[in-house]
Amino acid sequence: MKALSIRQPWAWLIVNGHKDIENRTWPTKFRGKFLIHAGKKFDYEGYNWVLSETNIELPELKDYKRGGIIGSAEIIDCVTRSNSRWFFGPFGFVLCNPKPLTFQPYRGCLGFFEIGTPENK
């Protein structure tokens, strides 16, 4: 199954049903279910933006799982414009059906990657 590394707190926001679009600098033709890998790096600036611009109650910094699979979602489109407050572009992967999963430590990669390949175990 394909997976995509996403920094926290964005990964948490997706799997918990708050964020409906994932911003990238590159487009994708992939459509379907994928696993969400929470990268080891944390976006502190993004965390502060979410706190100041939304009413979402975020976990404390120490409570974010990083460096593994935390959930799944489906990509249903890739757009260059969106009315979603989460869209910053230049490309947005439109997401649906987010689902948190039990944390599973796993090494991430850039772009989409297959779970179970020898270099990621």
N, C-alpha and C. Protein backbone atom coordinates (compact mmCIF):
# COMPACT_ATOMS: atom_id res chain seq x y z
N MET A 1 0.84 -1.18 0.00
CA MET A 1 0.00 0.00 0.00
C MET A 1 0.89 1.24 0.00
N LYS A 2 0.43 2.29 -0.67
CA LYS A 2 1.19 3.53 -0.72
C LYS A 2 1.04 4.29 0.59
N ALA A 3 2.09 5.06 0.91
CA ALA A 3 2.09 5.93 2.09
C ALA A 3 2.71 7.26 1.69
N LEU A 4 2.40 8.28 2.47
CA LEU A 4 2.93 9.62 2.24
C LEU A 4 3.31 10.22 3.58
N SER A 5 4.55 10.70 3.69
CA SER A 5 5.00 11.35 4.92
C SER A 5 4.46 12.78 4.97
N ILE A 6 3.91 13.13 6.11
CA ILE A 6 3.35 14.45 6.35
C ILE A 6 3.81 14.89 7.73
N ARG A 7 4.30 16.10 7.83
CA ARG A 7 4.75 16.61 9.12
C ARG A 7 3.57 16.80 10.06
N GLN A 8 3.87 16.66 11.34
CA GLN A 8 2.90 17.04 12.36
C GLN A 8 2.93 18.55 12.50
N PRO A 9 1.87 19.24 12.82
CA PRO A 9 0.57 18.72 13.24
C PRO A 9 -0.37 18.41 12.08
N TRP A 10 0.09 18.62 10.84
CA TRP A 10 -0.78 18.42 9.67
C TRP A 10 -1.29 16.99 9.57
N ALA A 11 -0.44 16.01 9.85
CA ALA A 11 -0.87 14.61 9.77
C ALA A 11 -2.00 14.34 10.77
N TRP A 12 -1.85 14.85 11.99
CA TRP A 12 -2.89 14.69 13.01
C TRP A 12 -4.19 15.35 12.56
N LEU A 13 -4.09 16.55 12.00
CA LEU A 13 -5.28 17.27 11.54
C LEU A 13 -6.01 16.49 10.44
N ILE A 14 -5.26 15.83 9.57
CA ILE A 14 -5.89 15.04 8.51
C ILE A 14 -6.61 13.83 9.09
N VAL A 15 -5.90 13.00 9.85
CA VAL A 15 -6.51 11.75 10.32
C VAL A 15 -7.65 11.99 11.30
N ASN A 16 -7.70 13.17 11.90
CA ASN A 16 -8.78 13.49 12.83
C ASN A 16 -9.90 14.30 12.18
N GLY A 17 -9.89 14.37 10.84
CA GLY A 17 -11.01 14.93 10.10
C GLY A 17 -11.09 16.44 10.02
N HIS A 18 -10.02 17.14 10.37
CA HIS A 18 -10.04 18.60 10.32
C HIS A 18 -9.52 19.16 8.99
N LYS A 19 -8.50 18.54 8.43
CA LYS A 19 -7.83 19.07 7.24
C LYS A 19 -8.22 18.22 6.03
N ASP A 20 -8.80 18.86 5.01
CA ASP A 20 -9.34 18.13 3.86
C ASP A 20 -8.48 18.25 2.60
N ILE A 21 -7.29 18.81 2.74
CA ILE A 21 -6.42 18.97 1.57
C ILE A 21 -4.97 18.96 2.05
N GLU A 22 -4.11 18.31 1.29
CA GLU A 22 -2.68 18.26 1.61
C GLU A 22 -1.93 19.02 0.53
N ASN A 23 -1.18 20.03 0.92
CA ASN A 23 -0.45 20.89 -0.02
C ASN A 23 0.89 20.29 -0.39
N ARG A 24 1.20 20.40 -1.67
CA ARG A 24 2.48 19.92 -2.19
C ARG A 24 2.96 20.86 -3.28
N THR A 25 4.26 20.77 -3.59
CA THR A 25 4.82 21.55 -4.69
C THR A 25 4.75 20.77 -6.00
N TRP A 26 4.28 19.55 -5.94
CA TRP A 26 4.20 18.67 -7.10
C TRP A 26 2.79 18.06 -7.20
N PRO A 27 2.35 17.79 -8.44
CA PRO A 27 1.02 17.18 -8.62
C PRO A 27 1.11 15.66 -8.53
N THR A 28 -0.05 15.03 -8.43
CA THR A 28 -0.12 13.57 -8.48
C THR A 28 -1.32 13.13 -9.29
N LYS A 29 -1.17 11.99 -9.95
CA LYS A 29 -2.29 11.37 -10.65
C LYS A 29 -2.88 10.25 -9.80
N PHE A 30 -2.22 9.96 -8.68
CA PHE A 30 -2.68 8.89 -7.79
C PHE A 30 -4.05 9.24 -7.20
N ARG A 31 -4.94 8.27 -7.21
CA ARG A 31 -6.24 8.38 -6.56
C ARG A 31 -6.46 7.10 -5.77
N GLY A 32 -6.99 7.24 -4.59
CA GLY A 32 -7.29 6.07 -3.79
C GLY A 32 -6.77 6.19 -2.36
N LYS A 33 -6.90 5.09 -1.65
CA LYS A 33 -6.52 5.02 -0.24
C LYS A 33 -5.00 4.98 -0.09
N PHE A 34 -4.51 5.67 0.92
CA PHE A 34 -3.08 5.65 1.24
C PHE A 34 -2.91 5.77 2.74
N LEU A 35 -1.74 5.39 3.21
CA LEU A 35 -1.43 5.50 4.63
C LEU A 35 -0.75 6.83 4.90
N ILE A 36 -1.02 7.39 6.05
CA ILE A 36 -0.42 8.65 6.45
C ILE A 36 0.70 8.37 7.43
N HIS A 37 1.89 8.75 7.00
CA HIS A 37 3.09 8.60 7.81
C HIS A 37 3.41 9.95 8.44
N ALA A 38 3.50 10.00 9.75
CA ALA A 38 3.87 11.23 10.45
C ALA A 38 5.39 11.31 10.46
N GLY A 39 5.92 12.31 9.77
CA GLY A 39 7.37 12.47 9.72
C GLY A 39 7.95 12.82 11.08
N LYS A 40 9.26 12.73 11.19
CA LYS A 40 9.92 13.03 12.46
C LYS A 40 10.01 14.53 12.73
N LYS A 41 10.04 15.33 11.66
CA LYS A 41 10.11 16.78 11.84
C LYS A 41 8.73 17.33 12.18
N PHE A 42 8.74 18.42 12.96
CA PHE A 42 7.49 19.05 13.39
C PHE A 42 7.44 20.47 12.84
N ASP A 43 6.28 20.89 12.36
CA ASP A 43 6.10 22.23 11.82
C ASP A 43 5.56 23.14 12.93
N TYR A 44 6.47 23.75 13.69
CA TYR A 44 6.09 24.61 14.81
C TYR A 44 5.35 25.86 14.33
N GLU A 45 5.78 26.41 13.20
CA GLU A 45 5.10 27.58 12.65
C GLU A 45 3.66 27.23 12.27
N GLY A 46 3.48 26.07 11.66
CA GLY A 46 2.14 25.61 11.30
C GLY A 46 1.28 25.37 12.53
N TYR A 47 1.86 24.81 13.57
CA TYR A 47 1.15 24.57 14.83
C TYR A 47 0.63 25.88 15.39
N ASN A 48 1.49 26.90 15.41
CA ASN A 48 1.07 28.21 15.92
C ASN A 48 0.01 28.84 15.04
N TRP A 49 0.09 28.64 13.72
CA TRP A 49 -0.93 29.15 12.80
C TRP A 49 -2.28 28.52 13.12
N VAL A 50 -2.30 27.20 13.29
CA VAL A 50 -3.57 26.51 13.59
C VAL A 50 -4.15 27.03 14.91
N LEU A 51 -3.30 27.22 15.92
CA LEU A 51 -3.78 27.74 17.21
C LEU A 51 -4.39 29.13 17.07
N SER A 52 -3.77 29.98 16.24
CA SER A 52 -4.24 31.37 16.12
C SER A 52 -5.38 31.55 15.13
N GLU A 53 -5.50 30.67 14.13
CA GLU A 53 -6.48 30.87 13.06
C GLU A 53 -7.69 29.95 13.11
N THR A 54 -7.70 28.99 14.02
CA THR A 54 -8.84 28.05 14.11
C THR A 54 -9.25 27.89 15.57
N ASN A 55 -10.35 27.21 15.77
CA ASN A 55 -10.82 26.86 17.12
C ASN A 55 -10.54 25.40 17.45
N ILE A 56 -9.66 24.78 16.68
CA ILE A 56 -9.35 23.36 16.87
C ILE A 56 -8.49 23.20 18.12
N GLU A 57 -8.89 22.29 18.98
CA GLU A 57 -8.12 22.00 20.19
C GLU A 57 -7.04 20.98 19.84
N LEU A 58 -5.82 21.45 19.74
CA LEU A 58 -4.69 20.59 19.36
C LEU A 58 -4.11 19.89 20.58
N PRO A 59 -3.52 18.70 20.37
CA PRO A 59 -2.80 18.03 21.46
C PRO A 59 -1.59 18.86 21.88
N GLU A 60 -1.08 18.58 23.06
CA GLU A 60 0.17 19.20 23.48
C GLU A 60 1.29 18.68 22.60
N LEU A 61 2.33 19.47 22.43
CA LEU A 61 3.44 19.10 21.54
C LEU A 61 3.99 17.72 21.86
N LYS A 62 4.11 17.37 23.12
CA LYS A 62 4.70 16.09 23.52
C LYS A 62 3.83 14.89 23.15
N ASP A 63 2.56 15.13 22.82
CA ASP A 63 1.63 14.04 22.56
C ASP A 63 1.52 13.63 21.10
N TYR A 64 2.22 14.32 20.21
CA TYR A 64 2.17 13.95 18.79
C TYR A 64 3.06 12.75 18.52
N LYS A 65 2.50 11.77 17.83
CA LYS A 65 3.28 10.61 17.38
C LYS A 65 4.05 11.02 16.14
N ARG A 66 5.33 10.65 16.09
CA ARG A 66 6.16 10.99 14.93
C ARG A 66 7.02 9.78 14.56
N GLY A 67 7.34 9.71 13.25
CA GLY A 67 8.19 8.62 12.78
C GLY A 67 7.44 7.32 12.58
N GLY A 68 6.19 7.40 12.08
CA GLY A 68 5.46 6.17 11.84
C GLY A 68 4.09 6.41 11.24
N ILE A 69 3.39 5.33 10.97
CA ILE A 69 2.05 5.37 10.38
C ILE A 69 1.05 5.73 11.47
N ILE A 70 0.20 6.74 11.19
CA ILE A 70 -0.80 7.14 12.19
C ILE A 70 -2.23 7.06 11.66
N GLY A 71 -2.41 6.81 10.36
CA GLY A 71 -3.76 6.75 9.84
C GLY A 71 -3.80 6.53 8.35
N SER A 72 -5.00 6.68 7.79
CA SER A 72 -5.19 6.54 6.35
C SER A 72 -6.21 7.57 5.88
N ALA A 73 -6.25 7.76 4.59
CA ALA A 73 -7.22 8.65 3.94
C ALA A 73 -7.27 8.26 2.47
N GLU A 74 -8.14 8.92 1.73
CA GLU A 74 -8.22 8.71 0.29
C GLU A 74 -7.97 10.02 -0.43
N ILE A 75 -7.24 9.95 -1.53
CA ILE A 75 -7.07 11.11 -2.41
C ILE A 75 -8.10 10.97 -3.53
N ILE A 76 -8.92 12.02 -3.69
CA ILE A 76 -9.95 11.97 -4.73
C ILE A 76 -9.70 12.96 -5.86
N ASP A 77 -8.72 13.87 -5.67
CA ASP A 77 -8.41 14.83 -6.72
C ASP A 77 -7.10 15.53 -6.39
N CYS A 78 -6.53 16.18 -7.40
CA CYS A 78 -5.36 17.04 -7.23
C CYS A 78 -5.71 18.35 -7.92
N VAL A 79 -5.68 19.46 -7.15
CA VAL A 79 -6.17 20.74 -7.66
C VAL A 79 -5.10 21.83 -7.54
N THR A 80 -5.31 22.90 -8.30
CA THR A 80 -4.45 24.08 -8.21
C THR A 80 -5.18 25.26 -7.58
N ARG A 81 -6.47 25.09 -7.30
CA ARG A 81 -7.29 26.09 -6.61
C ARG A 81 -8.29 25.37 -5.73
N SER A 82 -8.62 25.99 -4.60
CA SER A 82 -9.60 25.40 -3.71
C SER A 82 -10.12 26.47 -2.75
N ASN A 83 -11.36 26.32 -2.33
CA ASN A 83 -11.93 27.20 -1.31
C ASN A 83 -11.62 26.73 0.10
N SER A 84 -10.97 25.59 0.24
CA SER A 84 -10.62 25.07 1.56
C SER A 84 -9.66 26.03 2.26
N ARG A 85 -9.92 26.27 3.53
CA ARG A 85 -9.01 27.15 4.29
C ARG A 85 -7.62 26.53 4.44
N TRP A 86 -7.51 25.24 4.16
CA TRP A 86 -6.24 24.54 4.29
C TRP A 86 -5.40 24.61 3.02
N PHE A 87 -5.95 25.13 1.93
CA PHE A 87 -5.21 25.16 0.67
C PHE A 87 -4.25 26.34 0.62
N PHE A 88 -2.97 26.02 0.40
CA PHE A 88 -1.93 27.03 0.22
C PHE A 88 -1.17 26.80 -1.08
N GLY A 89 -1.40 25.64 -1.72
CA GLY A 89 -0.83 25.32 -3.02
C GLY A 89 0.68 25.14 -3.02
N PRO A 90 1.27 25.04 -4.20
CA PRO A 90 0.61 25.25 -5.49
C PRO A 90 -0.31 24.09 -5.91
N PHE A 91 -0.13 22.90 -5.32
CA PHE A 91 -1.00 21.77 -5.61
C PHE A 91 -1.63 21.29 -4.32
N GLY A 92 -2.87 20.84 -4.41
CA GLY A 92 -3.57 20.32 -3.25
C GLY A 92 -4.15 18.96 -3.54
N PHE A 93 -3.81 17.99 -2.71
CA PHE A 93 -4.39 16.65 -2.82
C PHE A 93 -5.68 16.68 -2.00
N VAL A 94 -6.83 16.54 -2.66
CA VAL A 94 -8.12 16.60 -1.99
C VAL A 94 -8.36 15.25 -1.29
N LEU A 95 -8.66 15.32 0.00
CA LEU A 95 -8.74 14.13 0.84
C LEU A 95 -10.16 13.86 1.33
N CYS A 96 -10.46 12.59 1.54
CA CYS A 96 -11.71 12.19 2.17
C CYS A 96 -11.47 10.89 2.95
N ASN A 97 -12.47 10.52 3.73
CA ASN A 97 -12.46 9.28 4.52
C ASN A 97 -11.21 9.11 5.39
N PRO A 98 -10.86 10.13 6.18
CA PRO A 98 -9.70 9.97 7.06
C PRO A 98 -10.01 8.99 8.19
N LYS A 99 -8.98 8.29 8.61
CA LYS A 99 -9.17 7.31 9.67
C LYS A 99 -7.88 7.20 10.49
N PRO A 100 -7.96 7.47 11.80
CA PRO A 100 -6.77 7.24 12.64
C PRO A 100 -6.52 5.74 12.78
N LEU A 101 -5.26 5.37 12.86
CA LEU A 101 -4.86 3.98 13.09
C LEU A 101 -3.92 3.93 14.28
N THR A 102 -3.76 2.77 14.87
CA THR A 102 -2.80 2.60 15.95
C THR A 102 -1.41 2.91 15.41
N PHE A 103 -0.65 3.71 16.14
CA PHE A 103 0.69 4.11 15.71
C PHE A 103 1.57 2.90 15.45
N GLN A 104 2.24 2.93 14.29
CA GLN A 104 3.18 1.88 13.92
C GLN A 104 4.47 2.56 13.48
N PRO A 105 5.55 2.45 14.27
CA PRO A 105 6.81 3.07 13.86
C PRO A 105 7.22 2.58 12.47
N TYR A 106 7.67 3.51 11.65
CA TYR A 106 8.06 3.15 10.29
C TYR A 106 8.88 4.28 9.71
N ARG A 107 9.92 3.94 8.98
CA ARG A 107 10.77 4.94 8.36
C ARG A 107 10.10 5.50 7.11
N GLY A 108 10.08 6.81 6.99
CA GLY A 108 9.43 7.46 5.85
C GLY A 108 10.37 7.70 4.69
N CYS A 109 9.81 8.23 3.61
CA CYS A 109 10.55 8.57 2.40
C CYS A 109 9.92 9.82 1.80
N LEU A 110 10.62 10.41 0.85
CA LEU A 110 10.04 11.53 0.11
C LEU A 110 9.01 11.00 -0.89
N GLY A 111 7.97 11.78 -1.15
CA GLY A 111 6.95 11.37 -2.10
C GLY A 111 6.18 10.16 -1.60
N PHE A 112 5.41 9.56 -2.50
CA PHE A 112 4.70 8.33 -2.14
C PHE A 112 5.71 7.20 -2.07
N PHE A 113 5.51 6.30 -1.11
CA PHE A 113 6.36 5.13 -1.01
C PHE A 113 5.52 3.93 -0.63
N GLU A 114 6.01 2.75 -0.98
CA GLU A 114 5.30 1.52 -0.69
C GLU A 114 5.69 1.01 0.68
N ILE A 115 4.69 0.65 1.46
CA ILE A 115 4.95 0.06 2.77
C ILE A 115 5.41 -1.38 2.53
N GLY A 116 6.47 -1.74 3.23
CA GLY A 116 6.98 -3.10 3.12
C GLY A 116 8.19 -3.25 2.23
N THR A 117 8.64 -2.17 1.57
CA THR A 117 9.85 -2.29 0.77
C THR A 117 11.04 -2.41 1.70
N PRO A 118 12.06 -3.21 1.34
CA PRO A 118 13.19 -3.47 2.23
C PRO A 118 13.88 -2.22 2.76
N GLU A 119 14.01 -1.15 1.95
CA GLU A 119 14.74 0.03 2.41
C GLU A 119 13.96 0.83 3.46
N ASN A 120 12.70 0.53 3.66
CA ASN A 120 11.89 1.27 4.63
C ASN A 120 11.64 0.50 5.92
N LYS A 121 12.03 -0.74 6.00
CA LYS A 121 11.75 -1.54 7.19
C LYS A 121 12.65 -1.16 8.34
